[in-house]
Amino acid sequence: MVALSDFRASLDARDPPALAAPLRALWLDARGDWDGAHKCVDTRDDKDSMWVHAYLHRKEGDLANARYWYGRAGRPPQNAPLDAEWAEIATALLAAAP
């Protein structure tokens, strides 16, 4: 399992480490590439990607779309600070990663 601190440290690298699409999306988002992050999860239909997709639309300010994706992901809509939600998602996905 990769620790959140190691994942955050990887943000200084030029390129992301080998990551599943939802984690790659979070990596790109943390680097300021919302569009690239969105492309990682936009057409995926797994729950993890939908969770990240919801977060991204919430960050964008499109709360109706975010609620839709939270529902598809089986997650309640969030109102925690965005950085806290990012860390929560990253921690969960890292814990589940092979």
PDB file of N, CA and C in Angstrom:
ATOM      1  N   MET A   1       0.843  -1.182   0.000  1.00  0.00           N
ATOM      2  CA  MET A   1       0.000   0.000   0.000  1.00  0.00           C
ATOM      3  C   MET A   1       0.895   1.254   0.000  1.00  0.00           C
ATOM      4  N   VAL A   2       0.541   2.198  -0.822  1.00  0.00           N
ATOM      5  CA  VAL A   2       1.243   3.479  -0.877  1.00  0.00           C
ATOM      6  C   VAL A   2       0.596   4.423   0.138  1.00  0.00           C
ATOM      7  N   ALA A   3       1.415   5.084   0.921  1.00  0.00           N
ATOM      8  CA  ALA A   3       0.910   6.038   1.910  1.00  0.00           C
ATOM      9  C   ALA A   3       0.523   7.339   1.219  1.00  0.00           C
ATOM     10  N   LEU A   4      -0.426   8.046   1.814  1.00  0.00           N
ATOM     11  CA  LEU A   4      -0.844   9.331   1.278  1.00  0.00           C
ATOM     12  C   LEU A   4       0.338  10.289   1.175  1.00  0.00           C
ATOM     13  N   SER A   5       1.229  10.255   2.158  1.00  0.00           N
ATOM     14  CA  SER A   5       2.390  11.150   2.121  1.00  0.00           C
ATOM     15  C   SER A   5       3.279  10.850   0.906  1.00  0.00           C
ATOM     16  N   ASP A   6       3.436   9.575   0.569  1.00  0.00           N
ATOM     17  CA  ASP A   6       4.218   9.205  -0.616  1.00  0.00           C
ATOM     18  C   ASP A   6       3.510   9.640  -1.899  1.00  0.00           C
ATOM     19  N   PHE A   7       2.193   9.499  -1.920  1.00  0.00           N
ATOM     20  CA  PHE A   7       1.410   9.927  -3.077  1.00  0.00           C
ATOM     21  C   PHE A   7       1.556  11.437  -3.266  1.00  0.00           C
ATOM     22  N   ARG A   8       1.451  12.181  -2.175  1.00  0.00           N
ATOM     23  CA  ARG A   8       1.630  13.638  -2.247  1.00  0.00           C
ATOM     24  C   ARG A   8       3.056  13.984  -2.711  1.00  0.00           C
ATOM     25  N   ALA A   9       4.049  13.256  -2.221  1.00  0.00           N
ATOM     26  CA  ALA A   9       5.441  13.517  -2.620  1.00  0.00           C
ATOM     27  C   ALA A   9       5.627  13.290  -4.122  1.00  0.00           C
ATOM     28  N   SER A  10       4.871  12.364  -4.695  1.00  0.00           N
ATOM     29  CA  SER A  10       4.998  12.085  -6.128  1.00  0.00           C
ATOM     30  C   SER A  10       4.515  13.261  -6.979  1.00  0.00           C
ATOM     31  N   LEU A  11       3.792  14.185  -6.371  1.00  0.00           N
ATOM     32  CA  LEU A  11       3.282  15.345  -7.115  1.00  0.00           C
ATOM     33  C   LEU A  11       4.406  16.251  -7.606  1.00  0.00           C
ATOM     34  N   ASP A  12       5.591  16.105  -7.025  1.00  0.00           N
ATOM     35  CA  ASP A  12       6.740  16.900  -7.459  1.00  0.00           C
ATOM     36  C   ASP A  12       7.405  16.335  -8.718  1.00  0.00           C
ATOM     37  N   ALA A  13       7.053  15.116  -9.072  1.00  0.00           N
ATOM     38  CA  ALA A  13       7.635  14.486 -10.260  1.00  0.00           C
ATOM     39  C   ALA A  13       7.039  15.092 -11.525  1.00  0.00           C
ATOM     40  N   ARG A  14       7.760  14.963 -12.603  1.00  0.00           N
ATOM     41  CA  ARG A  14       7.270  15.485 -13.883  1.00  0.00           C
ATOM     42  C   ARG A  14       6.061  14.705 -14.373  1.00  0.00           C
ATOM     43  N   ASP A  15       6.123  13.390 -14.200  1.00  0.00           N
ATOM     44  CA  ASP A  15       5.063  12.507 -14.669  1.00  0.00           C
ATOM     45  C   ASP A  15       4.520  11.706 -13.493  1.00  0.00           C
ATOM     46  N   PRO A  16       3.257  11.317 -13.578  1.00  0.00           N
ATOM     47  CA  PRO A  16       2.691  10.525 -12.488  1.00  0.00           C
ATOM     48  C   PRO A  16       3.267   9.113 -12.469  1.00  0.00           C
ATOM     49  N   PRO A  17       3.282   8.505 -11.295  1.00  0.00           N
ATOM     50  CA  PRO A  17       3.653   7.084 -11.252  1.00  0.00           C
ATOM     51  C   PRO A  17       2.548   6.271 -11.937  1.00  0.00           C
ATOM     52  N   ALA A  18       2.798   5.000 -12.143  1.00  0.00           N
ATOM     53  CA  ALA A  18       1.773   4.127 -12.721  1.00  0.00           C
ATOM     54  C   ALA A  18       0.616   4.042 -11.744  1.00  0.00           C
ATOM     55  N   LEU A  19      -0.533   4.516 -12.175  1.00  0.00           N
ATOM     56  CA  LEU A  19      -1.700   4.593 -11.295  1.00  0.00           C
ATOM     57  C   LEU A  19      -2.954   4.175 -12.047  1.00  0.00           C
ATOM     58  N   ALA A  20      -3.915   3.634 -11.308  1.00  0.00           N
ATOM     59  CA  ALA A  20      -5.236   3.389 -11.866  1.00  0.00           C
ATOM     60  C   ALA A  20      -5.868   4.745 -12.196  1.00  0.00           C
ATOM     61  N   ALA A  21      -6.811   4.762 -13.118  1.00  0.00           N
ATOM     62  CA  ALA A  21      -7.413   6.005 -13.611  1.00  0.00           C
ATOM     63  C   ALA A  21      -7.915   6.942 -12.505  1.00  0.00           C
ATOM     64  N   PRO A  22      -8.614   6.458 -11.480  1.00  0.00           N
ATOM     65  CA  PRO A  22      -9.096   7.396 -10.460  1.00  0.00           C
ATOM     66  C   PRO A  22      -7.964   8.073  -9.691  1.00  0.00           C
ATOM     67  N   LEU A  23      -6.913   7.337  -9.374  1.00  0.00           N
ATOM     68  CA  LEU A  23      -5.767   7.937  -8.684  1.00  0.00           C
ATOM     69  C   LEU A  23      -4.992   8.865  -9.610  1.00  0.00           C
ATOM     70  N   ARG A  24      -4.884   8.491 -10.853  1.00  0.00           N
ATOM     71  CA  ARG A  24      -4.219   9.377 -11.817  1.00  0.00           C
ATOM     72  C   ARG A  24      -4.990  10.690 -11.922  1.00  0.00           C
ATOM     73  N   ALA A  25      -6.310  10.606 -11.913  1.00  0.00           N
ATOM     74  CA  ALA A  25      -7.140  11.816 -11.964  1.00  0.00           C
ATOM     75  C   ALA A  25      -6.868  12.702 -10.755  1.00  0.00           C
ATOM     76  N   LEU A  26      -6.780  12.111  -9.576  1.00  0.00           N
ATOM     77  CA  LEU A  26      -6.488  12.905  -8.375  1.00  0.00           C
ATOM     78  C   LEU A  26      -5.093  13.519  -8.469  1.00  0.00           C
ATOM     79  N   TRP A  27      -4.145  12.769  -9.010  1.00  0.00           N
ATOM     80  CA  TRP A  27      -2.777  13.276  -9.169  1.00  0.00           C
ATOM     81  C   TRP A  27      -2.780  14.492 -10.098  1.00  0.00           C
ATOM     82  N   LEU A  28      -3.455  14.355 -11.240  1.00  0.00           N
ATOM     83  CA  LEU A  28      -3.517  15.461 -12.191  1.00  0.00           C
ATOM     84  C   LEU A  28      -4.250  16.665 -11.591  1.00  0.00           C
ATOM     85  N   ASP A  29      -5.328  16.403 -10.885  1.00  0.00           N
ATOM     86  CA  ASP A  29      -6.073  17.491 -10.252  1.00  0.00           C
ATOM     87  C   ASP A  29      -5.197  18.252  -9.259  1.00  0.00           C
ATOM     88  N   ALA A  30      -4.446  17.529  -8.469  1.00  0.00           N
ATOM     89  CA  ALA A  30      -3.570  18.173  -7.482  1.00  0.00           C
ATOM     90  C   ALA A  30      -2.489  19.009  -8.155  1.00  0.00           C
ATOM     91  N   ARG A  31      -2.168  18.669  -9.386  1.00  0.00           N
ATOM     92  CA  ARG A  31      -1.174  19.434 -10.153  1.00  0.00           C
ATOM     93  C   ARG A  31      -1.809  20.576 -10.929  1.00  0.00           C
ATOM     94  N   GLY A  32      -3.126  20.761 -10.774  1.00  0.00           N
ATOM     95  CA  GLY A  32      -3.813  21.867 -11.438  1.00  0.00           C
ATOM     96  C   GLY A  32      -4.358  21.552 -12.813  1.00  0.00           C
ATOM     97  N   ASP A  33      -4.381  20.271 -13.183  1.00  0.00           N
ATOM     98  CA  ASP A  33      -4.875  19.869 -14.503  1.00  0.00           C
ATOM     99  C   ASP A  33      -6.272  19.257 -14.358  1.00  0.00           C
ATOM    100  N   TRP A  34      -7.267  20.125 -14.137  1.00  0.00           N
ATOM    101  CA  TRP A  34      -8.644  19.644 -13.958  1.00  0.00           C
ATOM    102  C   TRP A  34      -9.119  18.920 -15.210  1.00  0.00           C
ATOM    103  N   ASP A  35      -8.842  19.489 -16.385  1.00  0.00           N
ATOM    104  CA  ASP A  35      -9.297  18.867 -17.634  1.00  0.00           C
ATOM    105  C   ASP A  35      -8.696  17.473 -17.818  1.00  0.00           C
ATOM    106  N   GLY A  36      -7.401  17.353 -17.568  1.00  0.00           N
ATOM    107  CA  GLY A  36      -6.760  16.042 -17.671  1.00  0.00           C
ATOM    108  C   GLY A  36      -7.331  15.057 -16.671  1.00  0.00           C
ATOM    109  N   ALA A  37      -7.585  15.535 -15.464  1.00  0.00           N
ATOM    110  CA  ALA A  37      -8.184  14.687 -14.426  1.00  0.00           C
ATOM    111  C   ALA A  37      -9.562  14.213 -14.866  1.00  0.00           C
ATOM    112  N   HIS A  38     -10.350  15.133 -15.390  1.00  0.00           N
ATOM    113  CA  HIS A  38     -11.710  14.793 -15.823  1.00  0.00           C
ATOM    114  C   HIS A  38     -11.680  13.758 -16.941  1.00  0.00           C
ATOM    115  N   LYS A  39     -10.734  13.894 -17.878  1.00  0.00           N
ATOM    116  CA  LYS A  39     -10.621  12.929 -18.972  1.00  0.00           C
ATOM    117  C   LYS A  39     -10.314  11.526 -18.463  1.00  0.00           C
ATOM    118  N   CYS A  40      -9.607  11.429 -17.345  1.00  0.00           N
ATOM    119  CA  CYS A  40      -9.273  10.113 -16.780  1.00  0.00           C
ATOM    120  C   CYS A  40     -10.502   9.341 -16.322  1.00  0.00           C
ATOM    121  N   VAL A  41     -11.519  10.050 -15.861  1.00  0.00           N
ATOM    122  CA  VAL A  41     -12.671   9.379 -15.251  1.00  0.00           C
ATOM    123  C   VAL A  41     -13.982   9.611 -15.978  1.00  0.00           C
ATOM    124  N   ASP A  42     -13.993  10.475 -16.980  1.00  0.00           N
ATOM    125  CA  ASP A  42     -15.235  10.896 -17.634  1.00  0.00           C
ATOM    126  C   ASP A  42     -16.044   9.749 -18.226  1.00  0.00           C
ATOM    127  N   THR A  43     -15.395   8.784 -18.821  1.00  0.00           N
ATOM    128  CA  THR A  43     -16.138   7.711 -19.495  1.00  0.00           C
ATOM    129  C   THR A  43     -16.089   6.388 -18.740  1.00  0.00           C
ATOM    130  N   ARG A  44     -15.527   6.390 -17.562  1.00  0.00           N
ATOM    131  CA  ARG A  44     -15.404   5.153 -16.784  1.00  0.00           C
ATOM    132  C   ARG A  44     -16.662   4.955 -15.937  1.00  0.00           C
ATOM    133  N   ASP A  45     -17.026   3.688 -15.720  1.00  0.00           N
ATOM    134  CA  ASP A  45     -18.257   3.432 -14.974  1.00  0.00           C
ATOM    135  C   ASP A  45     -18.037   2.649 -13.682  1.00  0.00           C
ATOM    136  N   ASP A  46     -16.804   2.608 -13.190  1.00  0.00           N
ATOM    137  CA  ASP A  46     -16.563   1.965 -11.895  1.00  0.00           C
ATOM    138  C   ASP A  46     -16.815   2.980 -10.774  1.00  0.00           C
ATOM    139  N   LYS A  47     -17.142   2.487  -9.600  1.00  0.00           N
ATOM    140  CA  LYS A  47     -17.522   3.355  -8.472  1.00  0.00           C
ATOM    141  C   LYS A  47     -16.411   4.329  -8.067  1.00  0.00           C
ATOM    142  N   ASP A  48     -15.163   3.884  -8.096  1.00  0.00           N
ATOM    143  CA  ASP A  48     -14.067   4.771  -7.710  1.00  0.00           C
ATOM    144  C   ASP A  48     -13.949   5.951  -8.679  1.00  0.00           C
ATOM    145  N   SER A  49     -14.037   5.664  -9.965  1.00  0.00           N
ATOM    146  CA  SER A  49     -13.971   6.739 -10.960  1.00  0.00           C
ATOM    147  C   SER A  49     -15.152   7.688 -10.805  1.00  0.00           C
ATOM    148  N   MET A  50     -16.325   7.148 -10.529  1.00  0.00           N
ATOM    149  CA  MET A  50     -17.498   8.001 -10.349  1.00  0.00           C
ATOM    150  C   MET A  50     -17.357   8.883  -9.104  1.00  0.00           C
ATOM    151  N   TRP A  51     -16.720   8.371  -8.073  1.00  0.00           N
ATOM    152  CA  TRP A  51     -16.484   9.164  -6.862  1.00  0.00           C
ATOM    153  C   TRP A  51     -15.552  10.345  -7.170  1.00  0.00           C
ATOM    154  N   VAL A  52     -14.473  10.058  -7.886  1.00  0.00           N
ATOM    155  CA  VAL A  52     -13.553  11.122  -8.269  1.00  0.00           C
ATOM    156  C   VAL A  52     -14.251  12.100  -9.215  1.00  0.00           C
ATOM    157  N   HIS A  53     -15.054  11.579 -10.124  1.00  0.00           N
ATOM    158  CA  HIS A  53     -15.811  12.408 -11.055  1.00  0.00           C
ATOM    159  C   HIS A  53     -16.714  13.377 -10.281  1.00  0.00           C
ATOM    160  N   ALA A  54     -17.372  12.883  -9.252  1.00  0.00           N
ATOM    161  CA  ALA A  54     -18.231  13.735  -8.414  1.00  0.00           C
ATOM    162  C   ALA A  54     -17.412  14.841  -7.756  1.00  0.00           C
ATOM    163  N   TYR A  55     -16.290  14.463  -7.176  1.00  0.00           N
ATOM    164  CA  TYR A  55     -15.405  15.441  -6.534  1.00  0.00           C
ATOM    165  C   TYR A  55     -14.991  16.523  -7.532  1.00  0.00           C
ATOM    166  N   LEU A  56     -14.609  16.111  -8.736  1.00  0.00           N
ATOM    167  CA  LEU A  56     -14.154  17.081  -9.732  1.00  0.00           C
ATOM    168  C   LEU A  56     -15.257  18.068 -10.107  1.00  0.00           C
ATOM    169  N   HIS A  57     -16.472  17.572 -10.266  1.00  0.00           N
ATOM    170  CA  HIS A  57     -17.570  18.491 -10.594  1.00  0.00           C
ATOM    171  C   HIS A  57     -17.918  19.391  -9.411  1.00  0.00           C
ATOM    172  N   ARG A  58     -17.776  18.881  -8.202  1.00  0.00           N
ATOM    173  CA  ARG A  58     -17.965  19.733  -7.036  1.00  0.00           C
ATOM    174  C   ARG A  58     -16.907  20.835  -7.019  1.00  0.00           C
ATOM    175  N   LYS A  59     -15.675  20.463  -7.295  1.00  0.00           N
ATOM    176  CA  LYS A  59     -14.594  21.445  -7.332  1.00  0.00           C
ATOM    177  C   LYS A  59     -14.858  22.489  -8.416  1.00  0.00           C
ATOM    178  N   GLU A  60     -15.392  22.047  -9.526  1.00  0.00           N
ATOM    179  CA  GLU A  60     -15.708  22.929 -10.640  1.00  0.00           C
ATOM    180  C   GLU A  60     -16.832  23.905 -10.275  1.00  0.00           C
ATOM    181  N   GLY A  61     -17.641  23.512  -9.299  1.00  0.00           N
ATOM    182  CA  GLY A  61     -18.774  24.344  -8.912  1.00  0.00           C
ATOM    183  C   GLY A  61     -20.093  23.889  -9.508  1.00  0.00           C
ATOM    184  N   ASP A  62     -20.078  22.772 -10.226  1.00  0.00           N
ATOM    185  CA  ASP A  62     -21.288  22.217 -10.826  1.00  0.00           C
ATOM    186  C   ASP A  62     -21.900  21.217  -9.845  1.00  0.00           C
ATOM    187  N   LEU A  63     -22.602  21.762  -8.849  1.00  0.00           N
ATOM    188  CA  LEU A  63     -23.085  20.931  -7.738  1.00  0.00           C
ATOM    189  C   LEU A  63     -24.162  19.944  -8.164  1.00  0.00           C
ATOM    190  N   ALA A  64     -25.016  20.309  -9.114  1.00  0.00           N
ATOM    191  CA  ALA A  64     -26.050  19.372  -9.579  1.00  0.00           C
ATOM    192  C   ALA A  64     -25.397  18.161 -10.235  1.00  0.00           C
ATOM    193  N   ASN A  65     -24.412  18.391 -11.075  1.00  0.00           N
ATOM    194  CA  ASN A  65     -23.701  17.297 -11.729  1.00  0.00           C
ATOM    195  C   ASN A  65     -22.933  16.478 -10.696  1.00  0.00           C
ATOM    196  N   ALA A  66     -22.322  17.152  -9.727  1.00  0.00           N
ATOM    197  CA  ALA A  66     -21.605  16.446  -8.664  1.00  0.00           C
ATOM    198  C   ALA A  66     -22.561  15.520  -7.904  1.00  0.00           C
ATOM    199  N   ARG A  67     -23.733  16.020  -7.550  1.00  0.00           N
ATOM    200  CA  ARG A  67     -24.715  15.179  -6.829  1.00  0.00           C
ATOM    201  C   ARG A  67     -25.069  13.936  -7.637  1.00  0.00           C
ATOM    202  N   TYR A  68     -25.242  14.118  -8.934  1.00  0.00           N
ATOM    203  CA  TYR A  68     -25.534  12.981  -9.805  1.00  0.00           C
ATOM    204  C   TYR A  68     -24.437  11.926  -9.696  1.00  0.00           C
ATOM    205  N   TRP A  69     -23.169  12.354  -9.784  1.00  0.00           N
ATOM    206  CA  TRP A  69     -22.059  11.407  -9.761  1.00  0.00           C
ATOM    207  C   TRP A  69     -21.852  10.804  -8.376  1.00  0.00           C
ATOM    208  N   TYR A  70     -22.092  11.576  -7.315  1.00  0.00           N
ATOM    209  CA  TYR A  70     -22.049  10.982  -5.967  1.00  0.00           C
ATOM    210  C   TYR A  70     -23.072   9.855  -5.880  1.00  0.00           C
ATOM    211  N   GLY A  71     -24.268  10.103  -6.403  1.00  0.00           N
ATOM    212  CA  GLY A  71     -25.300   9.066  -6.392  1.00  0.00           C
ATOM    213  C   GLY A  71     -24.877   7.835  -7.159  1.00  0.00           C
ATOM    214  N   ARG A  72     -24.306   8.022  -8.336  1.00  0.00           N
ATOM    215  CA  ARG A  72     -23.839   6.883  -9.134  1.00  0.00           C
ATOM    216  C   ARG A  72     -22.733   6.115  -8.421  1.00  0.00           C
ATOM    217  N   ALA A  73     -21.916   6.842  -7.653  1.00  0.00           N
ATOM    218  CA  ALA A  73     -20.814   6.213  -6.913  1.00  0.00           C
ATOM    219  C   ALA A  73     -21.288   5.572  -5.619  1.00  0.00           C
ATOM    220  N   GLY A  74     -22.555   5.792  -5.248  1.00  0.00           N
ATOM    221  CA  GLY A  74     -23.063   5.261  -3.987  1.00  0.00           C
ATOM    222  C   GLY A  74     -22.527   6.019  -2.788  1.00  0.00           C
ATOM    223  N   ARG A  75     -22.240   7.300  -2.979  1.00  0.00           N
ATOM    224  CA  ARG A  75     -21.669   8.155  -1.938  1.00  0.00           C
ATOM    225  C   ARG A  75     -22.589   9.334  -1.675  1.00  0.00           C
ATOM    226  N   PRO A  76     -22.632   9.803  -0.435  1.00  0.00           N
ATOM    227  CA  PRO A  76     -23.441  10.995  -0.164  1.00  0.00           C
ATOM    228  C   PRO A  76     -22.731  12.240  -0.691  1.00  0.00           C
ATOM    229  N   PRO A  77     -23.487  13.245  -1.130  1.00  0.00           N
ATOM    230  CA  PRO A  77     -22.858  14.502  -1.530  1.00  0.00           C
ATOM    231  C   PRO A  77     -22.038  15.074  -0.372  1.00  0.00           C
ATOM    232  N   GLN A  78     -20.961  15.731  -0.708  1.00  0.00           N
ATOM    233  CA  GLN A  78     -20.021  16.240   0.290  1.00  0.00           C
ATOM    234  C   GLN A  78     -20.111  17.751   0.425  1.00  0.00           C
ATOM    235  N   ASN A  79     -19.734  18.232   1.597  1.00  0.00           N
ATOM    236  CA  ASN A  79     -19.584  19.672   1.790  1.00  0.00           C
ATOM    237  C   ASN A  79     -18.342  19.980   2.623  1.00  0.00           C
ATOM    238  N   ALA A  80     -17.505  18.974   2.826  1.00  0.00           N
ATOM    239  CA  ALA A  80     -16.228  19.176   3.519  1.00  0.00           C
ATOM    240  C   ALA A  80     -15.328  20.028   2.624  1.00  0.00           C
ATOM    241  N   PRO A  81     -14.287  20.625   3.185  1.00  0.00           N
ATOM    242  CA  PRO A  81     -13.340  21.354   2.326  1.00  0.00           C
ATOM    243  C   PRO A  81     -12.810  20.436   1.219  1.00  0.00           C
ATOM    244  N   LEU A  82     -12.604  21.002   0.058  1.00  0.00           N
ATOM    245  CA  LEU A  82     -12.166  20.205  -1.096  1.00  0.00           C
ATOM    246  C   LEU A  82     -10.870  19.460  -0.830  1.00  0.00           C
ATOM    247  N   ASP A  83      -9.924  20.096  -0.140  1.00  0.00           N
ATOM    248  CA  ASP A  83      -8.656  19.404   0.123  1.00  0.00           C
ATOM    249  C   ASP A  83      -8.850  18.216   1.059  1.00  0.00           C
ATOM    250  N   ALA A  84      -9.802  18.321   1.966  1.00  0.00           N
ATOM    251  CA  ALA A  84     -10.093  17.199   2.871  1.00  0.00           C
ATOM    252  C   ALA A  84     -10.754  16.058   2.099  1.00  0.00           C
ATOM    253  N   GLU A  85     -11.644  16.395   1.184  1.00  0.00           N
ATOM    254  CA  GLU A  85     -12.278  15.345   0.388  1.00  0.00           C
ATOM    255  C   GLU A  85     -11.259  14.682  -0.526  1.00  0.00           C
ATOM    256  N   TRP A  86     -10.380  15.477  -1.138  1.00  0.00           N
ATOM    257  CA  TRP A  86      -9.332  14.913  -1.989  1.00  0.00           C
ATOM    258  C   TRP A  86      -8.516  13.896  -1.194  1.00  0.00           C
ATOM    259  N   ALA A  87      -8.107  14.272   0.014  1.00  0.00           N
ATOM    260  CA  ALA A  87      -7.300  13.379   0.856  1.00  0.00           C
ATOM    261  C   ALA A  87      -8.089  12.131   1.244  1.00  0.00           C
ATOM    262  N   GLU A  88      -9.375  12.284   1.534  1.00  0.00           N
ATOM    263  CA  GLU A  88     -10.207  11.126   1.894  1.00  0.00           C
ATOM    264  C   GLU A  88     -10.291  10.144   0.733  1.00  0.00           C
ATOM    265  N   ILE A  89     -10.544  10.659  -0.457  1.00  0.00           N
ATOM    266  CA  ILE A  89     -10.638   9.791  -1.630  1.00  0.00           C
ATOM    267  C   ILE A  89      -9.294   9.130  -1.909  1.00  0.00           C
ATOM    268  N   ALA A  90      -8.236   9.919  -1.910  1.00  0.00           N
ATOM    269  CA  ALA A  90      -6.908   9.365  -2.193  1.00  0.00           C
ATOM    270  C   ALA A  90      -6.541   8.281  -1.182  1.00  0.00           C
ATOM    271  N   THR A  91      -6.801   8.529   0.082  1.00  0.00           N
ATOM    272  CA  THR A  91      -6.487   7.548   1.124  1.00  0.00           C
ATOM    273  C   THR A  91      -7.247   6.252   0.891  1.00  0.00           C
ATOM    274  N   ALA A  92      -8.530   6.352   0.583  1.00  0.00           N
ATOM    275  CA  ALA A  92      -9.347   5.154   0.346  1.00  0.00           C
ATOM    276  C   ALA A  92      -8.858   4.392  -0.879  1.00  0.00           C
ATOM    277  N   LEU A  93      -8.569   5.112  -1.955  1.00  0.00           N
ATOM    278  CA  LEU A  93      -8.131   4.445  -3.184  1.00  0.00           C
ATOM    279  C   LEU A  93      -6.747   3.826  -3.036  1.00  0.00           C
ATOM    280  N   LEU A  94      -5.862   4.513  -2.333  1.00  0.00           N
ATOM    281  CA  LEU A  94      -4.534   3.957  -2.092  1.00  0.00           C
ATOM    282  C   LEU A  94      -4.605   2.697  -1.234  1.00  0.00           C
ATOM    283  N   ALA A  95      -5.492   2.695  -0.245  1.00  0.00           N
ATOM    284  CA  ALA A  95      -5.644   1.528   0.631  1.00  0.00           C
ATOM    285  C   ALA A  95      -6.167   0.318  -0.136  1.00  0.00           C
ATOM    286  N   ALA A  96      -6.962   0.572  -1.161  1.00  0.00           N
ATOM    287  CA  ALA A  96      -7.546  -0.520  -1.939  1.00  0.00           C
ATOM    288  C   ALA A  96      -6.685  -0.940  -3.137  1.00  0.00           C
ATOM    289  N   ALA A  97      -5.656  -0.153  -3.435  1.00  0.00           N
ATOM    290  CA  ALA A  97      -4.815  -0.442  -4.606  1.00  0.00           C
ATOM    291  C   ALA A  97      -3.995  -1.702  -4.375  1.00  0.00           C
ATOM    292  N   PRO A  98      -3.789  -2.466  -5.459  1.00  0.00           N
ATOM    293  CA  PRO A  98      -2.985  -3.694  -5.340  1.00  0.00           C
ATOM    294  C   PRO A  98      -1.524  -3.385  -5.034  1.00  0.00           C
TER     295      PRO A  98
END
